[in-house]
Amino acid sequence: MNGDKMIIKDIMTKDMVVASPNNTIQEVSSMMNNYDIGFLPIESDNDFIGVITDRDIIIRAIALGKDSKEPIEKYMTDYIISIPSDTTLENAINTMANEQVKRLLVEEDKKIVGLVSLSDILHVSDNPDFLEYVKEIFEPLDEVVITNEIDIPQAEVDEFEL
């Protein structure tokens, strides 16, 4: 990596685009489109109360047929993951891996001052082994178990008579 001593403050985005919990799905989608981003922190009364991603909008709202005029407050994630601005890039990557997220809010003096994404970190890396390291820690689960919420008895083929 480009100097293991590099810290998040050196690469974070300081001019964040933020949304309000009262913004609609339509408004937030337009903001994401206009700024070519897929993640917005949600701010209310000068305090960050959550985040929303393009995936949140698709999975939690659009896929369920929700009205695009509904406020995003119903669909945002209120669990905020942040790191101190003096965090090393390696520690930030490890936090992302542990939390299974690709973006982190950055704080100084208990205030959110920016954000950093996995791609921000990868752009500053000049170590070819670093990408392999990132791939390893973000490895998908070996086995995915899909269950039905409805218990439907499964018939065996030999149970049927023709």
N, C-alpha and C. Protein backbone atom coordinates (compact mmCIF):
# COMPACT_ATOMS: atom_id res chain seq x y z
N MET A 1 0.86 -1.16 0.00
CA MET A 1 0.00 0.00 0.00
C MET A 1 0.91 1.23 0.00
N ASN A 2 0.44 2.30 -0.54
CA ASN A 2 1.20 3.52 -0.63
C ASN A 2 1.47 4.07 0.76
N GLY A 3 2.59 3.66 1.34
CA GLY A 3 2.94 4.13 2.67
C GLY A 3 1.93 3.67 3.69
N ASP A 4 2.22 2.60 4.40
CA ASP A 4 1.28 2.07 5.38
C ASP A 4 0.91 3.11 6.43
N LYS A 5 1.61 4.22 6.44
CA LYS A 5 1.35 5.26 7.43
C LYS A 5 0.25 6.22 6.98
N MET A 6 -0.24 6.07 5.75
CA MET A 6 -1.30 6.95 5.28
C MET A 6 -2.54 6.73 6.14
N ILE A 7 -3.24 7.80 6.43
CA ILE A 7 -4.44 7.71 7.26
C ILE A 7 -5.66 8.16 6.47
N ILE A 8 -6.81 7.81 6.98
CA ILE A 8 -8.08 8.09 6.31
C ILE A 8 -8.27 9.58 6.05
N LYS A 9 -7.86 10.41 6.97
CA LYS A 9 -8.01 11.87 6.80
C LYS A 9 -7.38 12.34 5.49
N ASP A 10 -6.33 11.65 5.04
CA ASP A 10 -5.62 12.03 3.81
C ASP A 10 -6.43 11.75 2.55
N ILE A 11 -7.39 10.84 2.61
CA ILE A 11 -8.11 10.46 1.39
C ILE A 11 -9.62 10.59 1.48
N MET A 12 -10.15 10.92 2.65
CA MET A 12 -11.61 10.94 2.81
C MET A 12 -12.24 12.06 1.99
N THR A 13 -13.52 11.87 1.70
CA THR A 13 -14.33 12.89 1.04
C THR A 13 -14.86 13.81 2.14
N LYS A 14 -14.52 15.09 2.03
CA LYS A 14 -14.95 16.04 3.06
C LYS A 14 -16.26 16.72 2.70
N ASP A 15 -16.49 16.95 1.42
CA ASP A 15 -17.71 17.61 0.97
C ASP A 15 -18.77 16.56 0.68
N MET A 16 -19.42 16.12 1.73
CA MET A 16 -20.41 15.05 1.59
C MET A 16 -21.75 15.61 1.11
N VAL A 17 -22.40 14.81 0.30
CA VAL A 17 -23.79 15.08 -0.06
C VAL A 17 -24.61 14.35 1.00
N VAL A 18 -25.53 15.05 1.64
CA VAL A 18 -26.33 14.43 2.70
C VAL A 18 -27.82 14.58 2.39
N ALA A 19 -28.59 13.71 2.98
CA ALA A 19 -30.05 13.75 2.82
C ALA A 19 -30.69 13.94 4.19
N SER A 20 -31.95 14.29 4.14
CA SER A 20 -32.76 14.44 5.35
C SER A 20 -33.69 13.23 5.43
N PRO A 21 -34.08 12.83 6.63
CA PRO A 21 -35.00 11.69 6.74
C PRO A 21 -36.35 11.96 6.06
N ASN A 22 -36.66 13.22 5.82
CA ASN A 22 -37.92 13.58 5.17
C ASN A 22 -37.82 13.59 3.64
N ASN A 23 -36.60 13.51 3.10
CA ASN A 23 -36.47 13.41 1.65
C ASN A 23 -37.18 12.14 1.18
N THR A 24 -37.78 12.22 0.01
CA THR A 24 -38.50 11.06 -0.52
C THR A 24 -37.53 10.11 -1.23
N ILE A 25 -38.01 8.92 -1.49
CA ILE A 25 -37.24 7.94 -2.25
C ILE A 25 -36.84 8.55 -3.60
N GLN A 26 -37.78 9.24 -4.23
CA GLN A 26 -37.52 9.89 -5.53
C GLN A 26 -36.42 10.93 -5.40
N GLU A 27 -36.50 11.79 -4.39
CA GLU A 27 -35.49 12.85 -4.21
C GLU A 27 -34.11 12.26 -3.96
N VAL A 28 -34.03 11.25 -3.10
CA VAL A 28 -32.75 10.64 -2.78
C VAL A 28 -32.17 9.93 -4.01
N SER A 29 -33.03 9.25 -4.76
CA SER A 29 -32.58 8.59 -5.98
C SER A 29 -32.04 9.61 -6.98
N SER A 30 -32.70 10.73 -7.10
CA SER A 30 -32.23 11.80 -7.99
C SER A 30 -30.89 12.36 -7.53
N MET A 31 -30.74 12.54 -6.22
CA MET A 31 -29.46 13.03 -5.67
C MET A 31 -28.34 12.05 -6.02
N MET A 32 -28.60 10.77 -5.81
CA MET A 32 -27.59 9.76 -6.12
C MET A 32 -27.25 9.77 -7.60
N ASN A 33 -28.25 9.93 -8.45
CA ASN A 33 -28.03 9.98 -9.88
C ASN A 33 -27.22 11.23 -10.27
N ASN A 34 -27.61 12.38 -9.75
CA ASN A 34 -26.93 13.64 -10.09
C ASN A 34 -25.47 13.67 -9.66
N TYR A 35 -25.16 13.08 -8.52
CA TYR A 35 -23.79 13.11 -8.00
C TYR A 35 -23.02 11.82 -8.30
N ASP A 36 -23.68 10.87 -8.97
CA ASP A 36 -23.07 9.59 -9.33
C ASP A 36 -22.51 8.89 -8.08
N ILE A 37 -23.38 8.76 -7.08
CA ILE A 37 -23.01 8.11 -5.83
C ILE A 37 -24.08 7.08 -5.46
N GLY A 38 -23.75 6.17 -4.59
CA GLY A 38 -24.70 5.15 -4.18
C GLY A 38 -24.90 5.10 -2.67
N PHE A 39 -24.50 6.17 -1.98
CA PHE A 39 -24.53 6.18 -0.52
C PHE A 39 -24.75 7.61 -0.04
N LEU A 40 -25.70 7.77 0.86
CA LEU A 40 -25.93 9.09 1.44
C LEU A 40 -26.08 9.00 2.95
N PRO A 41 -25.32 9.81 3.68
CA PRO A 41 -25.57 9.94 5.12
C PRO A 41 -26.89 10.71 5.30
N ILE A 42 -27.60 10.39 6.37
CA ILE A 42 -28.87 11.05 6.68
C ILE A 42 -28.65 11.93 7.90
N GLU A 43 -28.96 13.21 7.75
CA GLU A 43 -28.73 14.18 8.81
C GLU A 43 -30.04 14.82 9.24
N SER A 44 -30.20 14.96 10.55
CA SER A 44 -31.37 15.62 11.10
C SER A 44 -30.93 16.45 12.30
N ASP A 45 -31.30 17.72 12.31
CA ASP A 45 -30.93 18.63 13.40
C ASP A 45 -29.43 18.60 13.68
N ASN A 46 -28.63 18.70 12.63
CA ASN A 46 -27.17 18.72 12.72
C ASN A 46 -26.57 17.47 13.35
N ASP A 47 -27.28 16.37 13.25
CA ASP A 47 -26.79 15.10 13.78
C ASP A 47 -27.03 14.02 12.73
N PHE A 48 -26.04 13.15 12.52
CA PHE A 48 -26.19 12.06 11.57
C PHE A 48 -26.95 10.93 12.25
N ILE A 49 -28.06 10.53 11.63
CA ILE A 49 -28.94 9.54 12.25
C ILE A 49 -29.01 8.23 11.47
N GLY A 50 -28.36 8.19 10.33
CA GLY A 50 -28.39 6.96 9.54
C GLY A 50 -27.75 7.15 8.18
N VAL A 51 -27.87 6.12 7.36
CA VAL A 51 -27.35 6.14 6.00
C VAL A 51 -28.34 5.41 5.11
N ILE A 52 -28.27 5.69 3.83
CA ILE A 52 -29.06 4.95 2.85
C ILE A 52 -28.20 4.71 1.62
N THR A 53 -28.35 3.52 1.07
CA THR A 53 -27.61 3.16 -0.14
C THR A 53 -28.59 2.94 -1.28
N ASP A 54 -28.05 2.92 -2.49
CA ASP A 54 -28.89 2.60 -3.64
C ASP A 54 -29.49 1.21 -3.49
N ARG A 55 -28.73 0.31 -2.90
CA ARG A 55 -29.24 -1.05 -2.67
C ARG A 55 -30.40 -1.04 -1.67
N ASP A 56 -30.30 -0.23 -0.60
CA ASP A 56 -31.40 -0.11 0.36
C ASP A 56 -32.69 0.31 -0.36
N ILE A 57 -32.56 1.28 -1.25
CA ILE A 57 -33.73 1.79 -1.97
C ILE A 57 -34.34 0.68 -2.82
N ILE A 58 -33.50 -0.06 -3.52
CA ILE A 58 -34.01 -1.11 -4.40
C ILE A 58 -34.63 -2.25 -3.60
N ILE A 59 -33.91 -2.76 -2.60
CA ILE A 59 -34.36 -3.93 -1.85
C ILE A 59 -35.51 -3.62 -0.90
N ARG A 60 -35.41 -2.50 -0.19
CA ARG A 60 -36.40 -2.21 0.85
C ARG A 60 -37.62 -1.43 0.37
N ALA A 61 -37.50 -0.79 -0.80
CA ALA A 61 -38.61 0.04 -1.26
C ALA A 61 -39.11 -0.37 -2.65
N ILE A 62 -38.29 -0.21 -3.65
CA ILE A 62 -38.71 -0.45 -5.03
C ILE A 62 -39.19 -1.89 -5.23
N ALA A 63 -38.41 -2.86 -4.75
CA ALA A 63 -38.77 -4.27 -4.93
C ALA A 63 -40.09 -4.61 -4.23
N LEU A 64 -40.44 -3.84 -3.23
CA LEU A 64 -41.68 -4.10 -2.50
C LEU A 64 -42.84 -3.22 -2.97
N GLY A 65 -42.59 -2.47 -4.06
CA GLY A 65 -43.66 -1.66 -4.65
C GLY A 65 -44.02 -0.42 -3.86
N LYS A 66 -43.11 0.10 -3.06
CA LYS A 66 -43.41 1.28 -2.26
C LYS A 66 -43.50 2.53 -3.13
N ASP A 67 -44.26 3.49 -2.68
CA ASP A 67 -44.45 4.75 -3.40
C ASP A 67 -43.17 5.57 -3.34
N SER A 68 -42.75 6.10 -4.47
CA SER A 68 -41.51 6.88 -4.52
C SER A 68 -41.62 8.21 -3.78
N LYS A 69 -42.82 8.57 -3.36
CA LYS A 69 -43.03 9.81 -2.60
C LYS A 69 -42.90 9.58 -1.10
N GLU A 70 -42.66 8.34 -0.68
CA GLU A 70 -42.50 8.06 0.75
C GLU A 70 -41.15 8.59 1.23
N PRO A 71 -41.08 9.03 2.50
CA PRO A 71 -39.80 9.49 3.05
C PRO A 71 -38.83 8.32 3.25
N ILE A 72 -37.55 8.61 3.10
CA ILE A 72 -36.54 7.55 3.22
C ILE A 72 -36.33 7.09 4.65
N GLU A 73 -36.84 7.83 5.58
CA GLU A 73 -36.66 7.46 6.99
C GLU A 73 -37.08 6.01 7.24
N LYS A 74 -38.09 5.55 6.53
CA LYS A 74 -38.58 4.18 6.71
C LYS A 74 -37.62 3.14 6.14
N TYR A 75 -36.71 3.55 5.27
CA TYR A 75 -35.88 2.60 4.54
C TYR A 75 -34.39 2.73 4.83
N MET A 76 -34.01 3.74 5.58
CA MET A 76 -32.59 3.96 5.87
C MET A 76 -32.10 2.98 6.93
N THR A 77 -30.80 2.86 7.03
CA THR A 77 -30.17 2.08 8.09
C THR A 77 -29.78 3.06 9.18
N ASP A 78 -30.23 2.80 10.40
CA ASP A 78 -29.91 3.74 11.48
C ASP A 78 -28.68 3.32 12.28
N TYR A 79 -28.03 2.27 11.85
CA TYR A 79 -26.79 1.83 12.48
C TYR A 79 -25.64 2.51 11.74
N ILE A 80 -24.97 3.44 12.40
CA ILE A 80 -23.90 4.19 11.77
C ILE A 80 -22.56 3.59 12.17
N ILE A 81 -21.75 3.32 11.18
CA ILE A 81 -20.41 2.80 11.42
C ILE A 81 -19.43 3.91 11.05
N SER A 82 -18.66 4.34 12.03
CA SER A 82 -17.70 5.41 11.78
C SER A 82 -16.34 5.03 12.36
N ILE A 83 -15.33 5.70 11.83
CA ILE A 83 -13.96 5.50 12.29
C ILE A 83 -13.32 6.86 12.53
N PRO A 84 -12.33 6.92 13.42
CA PRO A 84 -11.60 8.18 13.62
C PRO A 84 -10.82 8.56 12.37
N SER A 85 -10.63 9.83 12.15
CA SER A 85 -9.93 10.30 10.95
C SER A 85 -8.47 9.90 10.91
N ASP A 86 -7.89 9.54 12.05
CA ASP A 86 -6.49 9.13 12.07
C ASP A 86 -6.30 7.61 11.92
N THR A 87 -7.36 6.92 11.53
CA THR A 87 -7.29 5.47 11.31
C THR A 87 -6.43 5.18 10.09
N THR A 88 -5.61 4.15 10.17
CA THR A 88 -4.80 3.76 9.01
C THR A 88 -5.69 3.12 7.96
N LEU A 89 -5.22 3.10 6.73
CA LEU A 89 -6.00 2.50 5.65
C LEU A 89 -6.23 1.02 5.92
N GLU A 90 -5.22 0.33 6.42
CA GLU A 90 -5.38 -1.10 6.72
C GLU A 90 -6.44 -1.33 7.79
N ASN A 91 -6.44 -0.51 8.83
CA ASN A 91 -7.46 -0.67 9.88
C ASN A 91 -8.85 -0.33 9.36
N ALA A 92 -8.94 0.64 8.45
CA ALA A 92 -10.23 0.97 7.85
C ALA A 92 -10.75 -0.21 7.04
N ILE A 93 -9.87 -0.83 6.26
CA ILE A 93 -10.25 -2.00 5.46
C ILE A 93 -10.72 -3.12 6.39
N ASN A 94 -10.01 -3.33 7.49
CA ASN A 94 -10.41 -4.38 8.43
C ASN A 94 -11.78 -4.08 9.06
N THR A 95 -12.05 -2.82 9.36
CA THR A 95 -13.36 -2.45 9.88
C THR A 95 -14.44 -2.72 8.84
N MET A 96 -14.17 -2.35 7.60
CA MET A 96 -15.12 -2.62 6.52
C MET A 96 -15.40 -4.12 6.42
N ALA A 97 -14.35 -4.91 6.49
CA ALA A 97 -14.51 -6.37 6.37
C ALA A 97 -15.32 -6.92 7.55
N ASN A 98 -14.99 -6.48 8.75
CA ASN A 98 -15.70 -6.96 9.94
C ASN A 98 -17.17 -6.59 9.91
N GLU A 99 -17.47 -5.40 9.42
CA GLU A 99 -18.86 -4.91 9.39
C GLU A 99 -19.55 -5.26 8.08
N GLN A 100 -18.79 -5.78 7.11
CA GLN A 100 -19.30 -6.11 5.77
C GLN A 100 -19.96 -4.90 5.10
N VAL A 101 -19.22 -3.78 5.10
CA VAL A 101 -19.65 -2.56 4.42
C VAL A 101 -18.50 -2.07 3.54
N LYS A 102 -18.84 -1.22 2.60
CA LYS A 102 -17.82 -0.69 1.69
C LYS A 102 -17.64 0.82 1.84
N ARG A 103 -18.35 1.39 2.82
CA ARG A 103 -18.22 2.82 3.08
C ARG A 103 -18.30 3.05 4.58
N LEU A 104 -17.50 4.02 5.05
CA LEU A 104 -17.48 4.36 6.47
C LEU A 104 -17.56 5.86 6.63
N LEU A 105 -18.30 6.30 7.62
CA LEU A 105 -18.26 7.71 7.98
C LEU A 105 -17.00 7.95 8.81
N VAL A 106 -16.48 9.16 8.72
CA VAL A 106 -15.23 9.51 9.40
C VAL A 106 -15.53 10.60 10.43
N GLU A 107 -14.98 10.42 11.63
CA GLU A 107 -15.28 11.37 12.69
C GLU A 107 -14.01 11.97 13.30
N GLU A 108 -14.19 13.20 13.79
CA GLU A 108 -13.17 13.90 14.57
C GLU A 108 -13.93 14.60 15.70
N ASP A 109 -13.41 14.50 16.89
CA ASP A 109 -14.04 15.16 18.05
C ASP A 109 -15.53 14.85 18.14
N LYS A 110 -15.87 13.58 17.92
CA LYS A 110 -17.25 13.08 18.01
C LYS A 110 -18.21 13.73 17.00
N LYS A 111 -17.65 14.27 15.91
CA LYS A 111 -18.46 14.85 14.84
C LYS A 111 -18.08 14.17 13.53
N ILE A 112 -19.07 13.89 12.70
CA ILE A 112 -18.81 13.31 11.38
C ILE A 112 -18.25 14.42 10.49
N VAL A 113 -17.07 14.15 9.91
CA VAL A 113 -16.40 15.16 9.09
C VAL A 113 -16.16 14.70 7.66
N GLY A 114 -16.50 13.47 7.35
CA GLY A 114 -16.30 12.99 5.99
C GLY A 114 -16.69 11.54 5.86
N LEU A 115 -16.38 10.98 4.70
CA LEU A 115 -16.62 9.56 4.48
C LEU A 115 -15.53 9.01 3.59
N VAL A 116 -15.35 7.70 3.70
CA VAL A 116 -14.34 7.01 2.88
C VAL A 116 -14.96 5.72 2.36
N SER A 117 -14.62 5.40 1.13
CA SER A 117 -15.15 4.18 0.52
C SER A 117 -14.01 3.21 0.24
N LEU A 118 -14.36 1.98 0.02
CA LEU A 118 -13.39 0.97 -0.35
C LEU A 118 -12.66 1.40 -1.62
N SER A 119 -13.38 1.94 -2.58
CA SER A 119 -12.72 2.37 -3.82
C SER A 119 -11.76 3.53 -3.59
N ASP A 120 -12.06 4.42 -2.62
CA ASP A 120 -11.12 5.50 -2.28
C ASP A 120 -9.79 4.90 -1.85
N ILE A 121 -9.87 3.89 -1.01
CA ILE A 121 -8.66 3.25 -0.48
C ILE A 121 -7.91 2.52 -1.60
N LEU A 122 -8.65 1.80 -2.43
CA LEU A 122 -8.00 1.06 -3.51
C LEU A 122 -7.32 2.00 -4.51
N HIS A 123 -7.88 3.20 -4.71
CA HIS A 123 -7.26 4.15 -5.64
C HIS A 123 -5.90 4.65 -5.19
N VAL A 124 -5.65 4.67 -3.89
CA VAL A 124 -4.36 5.18 -3.41
C VAL A 124 -3.34 4.08 -3.18
N SER A 125 -3.75 2.85 -3.33
CA SER A 125 -2.85 1.73 -3.11
C SER A 125 -1.95 1.52 -4.32
N ASP A 126 -0.67 1.38 -4.08
CA ASP A 126 0.25 1.04 -5.17
C ASP A 126 0.85 -0.35 -4.98
N ASN A 127 0.30 -1.10 -4.05
CA ASN A 127 0.77 -2.45 -3.77
C ASN A 127 -0.12 -3.44 -4.50
N PRO A 128 0.44 -4.21 -5.46
CA PRO A 128 -0.39 -5.16 -6.21
C PRO A 128 -0.98 -6.26 -5.33
N ASP A 129 -0.36 -6.56 -4.21
CA ASP A 129 -0.88 -7.59 -3.31
C ASP A 129 -2.07 -7.10 -2.49
N PHE A 130 -2.24 -5.78 -2.42
CA PHE A 130 -3.30 -5.22 -1.60
C PHE A 130 -4.68 -5.60 -2.13
N LEU A 131 -4.85 -5.57 -3.45
CA LEU A 131 -6.14 -5.96 -4.03
C LEU A 131 -6.47 -7.40 -3.68
N GLU A 132 -5.48 -8.28 -3.72
CA GLU A 132 -5.72 -9.68 -3.34
C GLU A 132 -6.12 -9.78 -1.87
N TYR A 133 -5.48 -8.98 -1.03
CA TYR A 133 -5.82 -8.94 0.40
C TYR A 133 -7.28 -8.52 0.57
N VAL A 134 -7.69 -7.49 -0.14
CA VAL A 134 -9.06 -7.00 -0.05
C VAL A 134 -10.03 -8.07 -0.53
N LYS A 135 -9.71 -8.73 -1.63
CA LYS A 135 -10.58 -9.80 -2.14
C LYS A 135 -10.76 -10.91 -1.11
N GLU A 136 -9.69 -11.24 -0.42
CA GLU A 136 -9.76 -12.31 0.59
C GLU A 136 -10.66 -11.95 1.76
N ILE A 137 -10.55 -10.72 2.25
CA ILE A 137 -11.33 -10.37 3.43
C ILE A 137 -12.79 -10.10 3.10
N PHE A 138 -13.09 -9.85 1.83
CA PHE A 138 -14.47 -9.65 1.42
C PHE A 138 -15.01 -10.89 0.70
N GLU A 139 -14.37 -12.02 0.93
CA GLU A 139 -14.78 -13.28 0.31
C GLU A 139 -16.23 -13.58 0.69
N PRO A 140 -17.07 -13.92 -0.30
CA PRO A 140 -18.45 -14.28 0.05
C PRO A 140 -18.49 -15.58 0.83
N LEU A 141 -19.59 -15.81 1.50
CA LEU A 141 -19.75 -17.04 2.26
C LEU A 141 -19.61 -18.24 1.33
N ASP A 142 -19.00 -19.32 1.85
CA ASP A 142 -18.84 -20.53 1.06
C ASP A 142 -20.17 -21.17 0.74
N GLU A 143 -21.10 -21.10 1.67
CA GLU A 143 -22.38 -21.78 1.51
C GLU A 143 -23.50 -20.82 1.81
N VAL A 144 -24.43 -20.71 0.91
CA VAL A 144 -25.59 -19.87 1.12
C VAL A 144 -26.78 -20.80 1.35
N VAL A 145 -27.47 -20.59 2.45
CA VAL A 145 -28.62 -21.41 2.78
C VAL A 145 -29.87 -20.60 2.51
N ILE A 146 -30.72 -21.10 1.63
CA ILE A 146 -31.97 -20.42 1.32
C ILE A 146 -33.09 -21.22 1.95
N THR A 147 -33.91 -20.54 2.71
CA THR A 147 -35.03 -21.24 3.35
C THR A 147 -36.33 -20.60 2.90
N ASN A 148 -37.38 -21.38 2.90
CA ASN A 148 -38.71 -20.85 2.60
C ASN A 148 -39.32 -20.36 3.89
N GLU A 149 -39.96 -19.22 3.82
CA GLU A 149 -40.66 -18.74 5.01
C GLU A 149 -41.97 -19.50 5.19
N ILE A 150 -42.49 -20.05 4.12
CA ILE A 150 -43.73 -20.82 4.18
C ILE A 150 -43.35 -22.28 4.15
N ASP A 151 -43.88 -23.04 5.08
CA ASP A 151 -43.57 -24.47 5.14
C ASP A 151 -44.49 -25.21 4.16
N ILE A 152 -43.92 -25.61 3.02
CA ILE A 152 -44.68 -26.32 2.01
C ILE A 152 -44.15 -27.74 1.96
N PRO A 153 -45.01 -28.71 2.21
CA PRO A 153 -44.54 -30.11 2.15
C PRO A 153 -44.06 -30.44 0.75
N GLN A 154 -42.93 -31.12 0.70
CA GLN A 154 -42.37 -31.52 -0.59
C GLN A 154 -42.76 -32.97 -0.86
N ALA A 155 -43.36 -33.21 -2.00
CA ALA A 155 -43.79 -34.56 -2.36
C ALA A 155 -42.66 -35.29 -3.09
N GLU A 156 -42.53 -36.53 -2.81
CA GLU A 156 -41.57 -37.36 -3.52
C GLU A 156 -42.19 -37.79 -4.84
N VAL A 157 -41.38 -37.98 -5.84
CA VAL A 157 -41.89 -38.34 -7.16
C VAL A 157 -42.64 -39.66 -7.12
N ASP A 158 -42.18 -40.62 -6.33
CA ASP A 158 -42.83 -41.93 -6.31
C ASP A 158 -44.15 -41.94 -5.54
N GLU A 159 -44.55 -40.81 -4.97
CA GLU A 159 -45.83 -40.73 -4.26
C GLU A 159 -47.00 -40.57 -5.22
N PHE A 160 -46.72 -40.23 -6.45
CA PHE A 160 -47.79 -39.99 -7.41
C PHE A 160 -48.05 -41.23 -8.26
N GLU A 161 -49.30 -41.50 -8.49
CA GLU A 161 -49.67 -42.58 -9.40
C GLU A 161 -50.27 -41.96 -10.63
N LEU A 162 -49.93 -42.48 -11.73
CA LEU A 162 -50.47 -41.96 -12.98
C LEU A 162 -51.67 -42.74 -13.43
